[in-house]
Amino acid sequence: MRTQSSAIAPIGIAVSDRPGTSVGTLQAALGVAAFSLTFPATAWGLEGFGPWSLVAVRSVLAALIAGGCLLALRVPLPGRRHWAGLAVVGAGVVLGFPLLTTLALQTSTTAHAAVVVGLLPLTTALFSALRVGTRPSRTFWIAALVGAAAVVAFTVQQSGGTLTTADLYLFGALLICAAGYTEGGRLARVMPGWQVVGWALMLCLPLSVPAAAVALSYEPVQLTWHGVTGLLWVAAGSQFLGLVVWYRGMAAIGIPKASQLQLAQPLLTLVWSVLLLGEHLTVAAPLTAAAVLVCIAVTQRARG
């Protein structure tokens, strides 16, 4: 993210700036914390499930939670004109990003993935500029290119001078998730953001249910504590509940303040990778994450 992804800010929502409150700030911070745990939870999930099973079952469980909420609140079906956009959100946020990042995490560390996917806000901003025809300032483009160059240099250096298959998965995840976030941001102007995610999950259910059945029949499953906990977190925490508190917080304190909180997400993931997975960070990882954080802050200021 988020996705997100996710994953870092899943699917933007158009709201006006409002006076900040302590409750809103807490809700937005909880959303960021939920998204920052996605990669470590995925690594745990892979201890008990195959990559395809983990992604498919994750999508099914999240869809069941979302469907229950939509049904309980009697949310009407979106208009026919919105379903194409929801399909893009589903392809990018519900299926594409989780699948590609999960495949990458089979061989990549969560710290490495967190730094690479830290580019997602910049990638999403580029897709948004192309989609809605905005013209960002020169400062925006310079900061975006510097951030991208820092991540590419880090990736090549960490991979011994060449890009690995995991790196290709991660860069692909950036592109497909950015497309989903951009389309979701457009839809979130006409419906609450959590409903965008909820309907995208429901739209993918006819694919995720048979995919889960097939994957579980071919991939071995070990119901370890780590595996089950990781699965439940990426399904309920990352894919749905994290989005709910994130959007509620963003609506309460406004997009600019919430975005500033989200800048900490890649660095939080680095912390979780050490505490939960026992990974050893190289000096380059936190330095590159900090550099990307600065570049994102500059692009946000330039856009403002």
Protein backbone atom coordinates (compact mmCIF):
# COMPACT_ATOMS: atom_id res chain seq x y z
CA MET A 1 0.00 0.00 0.00
CA ARG A 2 -0.98 1.58 1.06
CA THR A 3 -2.37 -0.41 -0.84
CA GLN A 4 -2.44 -0.34 0.05
CA SER A 5 -0.59 -2.50 -1.38
CA SER A 6 -0.26 -3.20 -0.31
CA ALA A 7 0.28 -2.13 1.14
CA ILE A 8 1.48 2.52 1.52
CA ALA A 9 -1.90 5.06 1.01
CA PRO A 10 -4.45 2.82 -0.56
CA ILE A 11 -6.91 4.61 -2.74
CA GLY A 12 -7.12 8.32 -2.07
CA ILE A 13 -10.29 10.06 -0.98
CA ALA A 14 -11.34 13.56 -1.81
CA VAL A 15 -12.19 15.40 1.38
CA SER A 16 -11.74 18.97 2.43
CA ASP A 17 -9.33 20.00 5.15
CA ARG A 18 -10.98 20.00 8.56
CA PRO A 19 -9.77 20.98 12.00
CA GLY A 20 -7.59 18.23 13.38
CA THR A 21 -8.71 16.26 16.41
CA SER A 22 -6.83 13.87 18.64
CA VAL A 23 -9.23 11.06 17.71
CA GLY A 24 -8.75 11.66 13.98
CA THR A 25 -4.98 11.75 14.35
CA LEU A 26 -5.06 8.50 16.31
CA GLN A 27 -7.24 6.82 13.67
CA ALA A 28 -4.96 7.90 10.81
CA ALA A 29 -1.89 6.76 12.77
CA LEU A 30 -3.52 3.36 13.38
CA GLY A 31 -4.11 3.05 9.64
CA VAL A 32 -0.46 3.75 8.88
CA ALA A 33 0.62 1.25 11.54
CA ALA A 34 -1.68 -1.38 10.00
CA PHE A 35 -0.24 -0.87 6.52
CA SER A 36 3.35 -0.92 7.80
CA LEU A 37 2.78 -4.46 9.11
CA THR A 38 1.65 -5.83 5.74
CA PHE A 39 5.03 -7.09 4.53
CA PRO A 40 6.10 -8.69 7.85
CA ALA A 41 2.66 -10.32 8.11
CA THR A 42 3.00 -11.60 4.54
CA ALA A 43 6.39 -13.09 5.41
CA TRP A 44 4.76 -14.84 8.37
CA GLY A 45 1.90 -16.04 6.19
CA LEU A 46 4.36 -17.60 3.75
CA GLU A 47 5.60 -19.84 6.58
CA GLY A 48 2.27 -21.69 6.47
CA PHE A 49 0.83 -21.07 3.02
CA GLY A 50 2.02 -21.00 -0.56
CA PRO A 51 2.08 -17.58 -2.26
CA TRP A 52 -0.98 -18.22 -4.42
CA SER A 53 -2.96 -19.68 -1.54
CA LEU A 54 -2.04 -16.79 0.74
CA VAL A 55 -3.17 -14.14 -1.75
CA ALA A 56 -6.38 -15.91 -2.77
CA VAL A 57 -7.50 -16.78 0.76
CA ARG A 58 -6.57 -13.27 1.91
CA SER A 59 -8.85 -11.80 -0.76
CA VAL A 60 -11.72 -14.14 0.12
CA LEU A 61 -11.57 -13.38 3.84
CA ALA A 62 -11.32 -9.62 3.26
CA ALA A 63 -14.28 -9.81 0.85
CA LEU A 64 -16.38 -11.63 3.44
CA ILE A 65 -15.63 -8.92 6.01
CA ALA A 66 -16.35 -6.15 3.51
CA GLY A 67 -19.50 -7.86 2.29
CA GLY A 68 -20.77 -8.20 5.83
CA CYS A 69 -20.24 -4.49 6.45
CA LEU A 70 -21.87 -3.49 3.17
CA LEU A 71 -24.85 -5.73 3.92
CA ALA A 72 -25.21 -4.65 7.54
CA LEU A 73 -25.18 -0.96 6.55
CA ARG A 74 -27.47 -1.62 3.57
CA VAL A 75 -25.15 0.15 1.18
CA PRO A 76 -26.74 0.31 -2.29
CA LEU A 77 -24.96 -1.06 -5.34
CA PRO A 78 -22.72 1.42 -7.16
CA GLY A 79 -23.98 2.87 -10.42
CA ARG A 80 -23.23 0.92 -13.59
CA ARG A 81 -20.79 3.60 -14.73
CA HIS A 82 -18.55 2.91 -11.72
CA TRP A 83 -18.00 -0.83 -12.22
CA ALA A 84 -15.22 -0.42 -14.80
CA GLY A 85 -13.28 1.74 -12.35
CA LEU A 86 -13.91 -0.75 -9.55
CA ALA A 87 -12.50 -3.48 -11.79
CA VAL A 88 -9.28 -1.47 -12.15
CA VAL A 89 -9.12 -1.05 -8.36
CA GLY A 90 -9.68 -4.77 -7.90
CA ALA A 91 -7.03 -5.72 -10.43
CA GLY A 92 -4.47 -3.36 -8.93
CA VAL A 93 -5.15 -3.26 -5.20
CA VAL A 94 -7.04 -6.46 -4.39
CA LEU A 95 -5.22 -8.94 -6.64
CA GLY A 96 -2.20 -7.50 -8.46
CA PHE A 97 -0.28 -5.76 -5.68
CA PRO A 98 -0.77 -8.49 -3.05
CA LEU A 99 0.19 -11.22 -5.53
CA LEU A 100 3.32 -9.54 -6.91
CA THR A 101 4.61 -8.45 -3.50
CA THR A 102 3.93 -11.90 -2.02
CA LEU A 103 5.86 -13.55 -4.85
CA ALA A 104 8.69 -11.06 -4.29
CA LEU A 105 8.80 -11.76 -0.54
CA GLN A 106 9.56 -15.41 -1.21
CA THR A 107 13.15 -14.37 -1.94
CA SER A 108 13.34 -10.70 -0.89
CA THR A 109 13.61 -9.39 2.65
CA THR A 110 10.79 -7.22 3.94
CA ALA A 111 13.25 -4.37 4.50
CA HIS A 112 14.32 -4.44 0.85
CA ALA A 113 10.69 -4.59 -0.32
CA ALA A 114 9.69 -1.73 1.99
CA VAL A 115 12.33 0.58 0.51
CA VAL A 116 11.36 -0.24 -3.08
CA VAL A 117 7.62 0.06 -2.48
CA GLY A 118 8.28 3.33 -0.64
CA LEU A 119 8.10 4.81 -4.14
CA LEU A 120 4.39 4.04 -4.35
CA PRO A 121 3.18 7.57 -3.41
CA LEU A 122 5.38 9.04 -6.14
CA THR A 123 4.28 6.45 -8.69
CA THR A 124 0.66 7.07 -7.81
CA ALA A 125 1.14 10.83 -8.21
CA LEU A 126 2.57 10.26 -11.70
CA PHE A 127 -0.36 8.05 -12.69
CA SER A 128 -2.75 10.62 -11.26
CA ALA A 129 -1.14 13.38 -13.31
CA LEU A 130 -1.56 11.31 -16.46
CA ARG A 131 -5.11 10.23 -15.59
CA VAL A 132 -6.59 13.63 -14.70
CA GLY A 133 -4.32 15.77 -16.84
CA THR A 134 -2.80 17.86 -14.05
CA ARG A 135 0.51 19.64 -14.57
CA PRO A 136 2.79 19.23 -11.52
CA SER A 137 5.52 21.79 -10.97
CA ARG A 138 9.14 21.33 -11.97
CA THR A 139 10.02 20.89 -8.29
CA PHE A 140 7.59 17.98 -8.12
CA TRP A 141 9.19 16.21 -11.08
CA ILE A 142 12.72 16.76 -9.82
CA ALA A 143 11.89 15.36 -6.37
CA ALA A 144 10.06 12.40 -7.93
CA LEU A 145 13.02 11.57 -10.19
CA VAL A 146 15.50 11.89 -7.31
CA GLY A 147 13.41 9.54 -5.17
CA ALA A 148 13.12 7.04 -8.01
CA ALA A 149 16.86 7.21 -8.69
CA ALA A 150 17.62 6.59 -5.00
CA VAL A 151 15.45 3.47 -4.95
CA VAL A 152 16.83 2.13 -8.23
CA ALA A 153 20.41 2.68 -7.00
CA PHE A 154 19.58 0.93 -3.71
CA THR A 155 17.95 -1.97 -5.53
CA VAL A 156 20.85 -2.50 -7.91
CA GLN A 157 23.40 -2.19 -5.11
CA GLN A 158 21.55 -4.68 -2.88
CA SER A 159 21.10 -7.11 -5.77
CA GLY A 160 24.78 -7.25 -6.65
CA GLY A 161 24.62 -5.02 -9.73
CA THR A 162 21.64 -6.65 -11.46
CA LEU A 163 17.91 -6.69 -10.86
CA THR A 164 16.52 -9.92 -9.42
CA THR A 165 13.18 -11.54 -10.17
CA ALA A 166 11.92 -10.23 -6.84
CA ASP A 167 12.87 -6.69 -7.86
CA LEU A 168 10.91 -7.06 -11.09
CA TYR A 169 7.89 -8.25 -9.10
CA LEU A 170 8.18 -5.22 -6.81
CA PHE A 171 8.49 -2.71 -9.65
CA GLY A 172 5.53 -4.35 -11.38
CA ALA A 173 3.57 -4.08 -8.13
CA LEU A 174 4.33 -0.36 -8.01
CA LEU A 175 2.86 0.20 -11.46
CA ILE A 176 -0.28 -1.90 -11.11
CA CYS A 177 -1.05 -0.66 -7.61
CA ALA A 178 -0.55 2.98 -8.62
CA ALA A 179 -3.11 2.48 -11.39
CA GLY A 180 -5.56 1.00 -8.86
CA TYR A 181 -4.96 3.80 -6.36
CA THR A 182 -5.45 6.46 -9.01
CA GLU A 183 -8.73 5.01 -10.21
CA GLY A 184 -9.84 4.49 -6.63
CA GLY A 185 -9.07 8.12 -5.84
CA ARG A 186 -11.34 9.16 -8.70
CA LEU A 187 -14.15 6.91 -7.44
CA ALA A 188 -13.71 8.09 -3.86
CA ARG A 189 -15.00 11.48 -4.96
CA VAL A 190 -18.47 9.99 -5.40
CA MET A 191 -18.53 7.30 -2.67
CA PRO A 192 -16.76 6.73 0.66
CA GLY A 193 -13.29 5.26 0.26
CA TRP A 194 -14.03 2.13 2.32
CA GLN A 195 -16.93 1.37 0.00
CA VAL A 196 -14.61 1.62 -3.01
CA VAL A 197 -12.40 -1.03 -1.44
CA GLY A 198 -15.37 -3.08 -0.29
CA TRP A 199 -17.02 -3.25 -3.71
CA ALA A 200 -13.68 -3.97 -5.39
CA LEU A 201 -13.22 -6.91 -3.03
CA MET A 202 -16.72 -8.17 -3.78
CA LEU A 203 -16.13 -7.81 -7.52
CA CYS A 204 -13.04 -10.04 -7.24
CA LEU A 205 -14.84 -12.70 -5.18
CA PRO A 206 -15.90 -14.83 -8.21
CA LEU A 207 -12.19 -15.06 -9.10
CA SER A 208 -10.68 -15.36 -5.63
CA VAL A 209 -12.93 -18.21 -4.41
CA PRO A 210 -12.06 -20.70 -7.18
CA ALA A 211 -8.45 -19.47 -7.12
CA ALA A 212 -8.28 -20.24 -3.40
CA ALA A 213 -9.76 -23.71 -3.93
CA VAL A 214 -7.28 -24.57 -6.68
CA ALA A 215 -4.27 -23.07 -4.89
CA LEU A 216 -5.03 -24.86 -1.63
CA SER A 217 -5.29 -28.17 -3.46
CA TYR A 218 -1.83 -27.78 -5.01
CA GLU A 219 0.20 -25.88 -2.43
CA PRO A 220 1.02 -27.48 0.94
CA VAL A 221 -0.47 -25.85 4.02
CA GLN A 222 1.01 -25.87 7.51
CA LEU A 223 -1.23 -24.26 10.12
CA THR A 224 1.53 -22.68 12.17
CA TRP A 225 0.91 -19.81 14.58
CA HIS A 226 2.92 -17.45 12.37
CA GLY A 227 1.21 -18.60 9.20
CA VAL A 228 -2.35 -18.19 10.49
CA THR A 229 -1.60 -14.89 12.23
CA GLY A 230 0.01 -13.49 9.10
CA LEU A 231 -2.94 -14.54 6.95
CA LEU A 232 -5.52 -13.06 9.31
CA TRP A 233 -3.63 -9.79 9.55
CA VAL A 234 -3.18 -9.21 5.81
CA ALA A 235 -6.86 -10.10 5.26
CA ALA A 236 -8.54 -8.23 8.10
CA GLY A 237 -5.92 -5.70 9.18
CA SER A 238 -4.20 -4.64 5.96
CA GLN A 239 -6.90 -5.26 3.37
CA PHE A 240 -9.91 -3.87 5.20
CA LEU A 241 -9.80 -2.66 8.83
CA GLY A 242 -6.68 -0.58 8.27
CA LEU A 243 -8.47 1.18 5.43
CA VAL A 244 -11.49 1.94 7.63
CA VAL A 245 -9.53 3.73 10.37
CA TRP A 246 -7.30 5.40 7.77
CA TYR A 247 -10.22 6.94 5.91
CA ARG A 248 -12.01 7.97 9.09
CA GLY A 249 -8.86 9.65 10.34
CA MET A 250 -8.21 11.33 7.00
CA ALA A 251 -11.77 12.67 6.92
CA ALA A 252 -11.33 14.07 10.44
CA ILE A 253 -7.93 15.77 10.13
CA GLY A 254 -7.71 16.34 6.37
CA ILE A 255 -5.49 14.93 3.64
CA PRO A 256 -2.34 17.05 4.27
CA LYS A 257 -2.00 16.11 7.94
CA ALA A 258 -2.82 12.47 7.32
CA SER A 259 -0.28 12.31 4.48
CA GLN A 260 2.44 13.59 6.78
CA LEU A 261 1.73 10.69 9.14
CA GLN A 262 1.97 8.24 6.25
CA LEU A 263 5.50 9.32 5.40
CA ALA A 264 6.66 7.18 8.32
CA GLN A 265 5.29 3.95 6.84
CA PRO A 266 8.44 2.60 5.08
CA LEU A 267 10.55 3.35 8.15
CA LEU A 268 8.01 1.60 10.39
CA THR A 269 8.18 -1.47 8.17
CA LEU A 270 11.96 -1.51 8.59
CA VAL A 271 11.46 -1.50 12.37
CA TRP A 272 8.95 -4.37 12.18
CA SER A 273 11.29 -6.36 9.95
CA VAL A 274 13.90 -6.25 12.71
CA LEU A 275 11.57 -6.82 15.68
CA LEU A 276 9.27 -9.46 14.17
CA LEU A 277 11.49 -11.20 11.63
CA GLY A 278 14.95 -10.68 13.06
CA GLU A 279 16.27 -9.18 9.83
CA HIS A 280 19.58 -7.34 9.84
CA LEU A 281 19.43 -3.96 8.15
CA THR A 282 22.22 -2.59 6.04
CA VAL A 283 23.03 1.09 6.42
CA ALA A 284 21.68 1.69 2.93
CA ALA A 285 18.11 0.63 3.80
CA PRO A 286 17.19 3.31 6.38
CA LEU A 287 19.19 5.95 4.50
CA THR A 288 17.37 5.25 1.25
CA ALA A 289 14.01 5.14 3.03
CA ALA A 290 14.76 8.51 4.62
CA ALA A 291 15.76 9.94 1.24
CA VAL A 292 12.51 8.76 -0.31
CA LEU A 293 10.61 10.21 2.66
CA VAL A 294 12.17 13.63 2.00
CA CYS A 295 11.39 13.42 -1.73
CA ILE A 296 7.76 12.52 -1.02
CA ALA A 297 7.47 15.45 1.39
CA VAL A 298 8.83 17.78 -1.31
CA THR A 299 6.41 16.45 -3.93
CA GLN A 300 3.47 16.92 -1.58
CA ARG A 301 4.51 20.48 -0.85
CA ALA A 302 4.98 21.14 -4.56
CA ARG A 303 1.55 19.73 -5.37
CA GLY A 304 0.00 21.83 -2.62
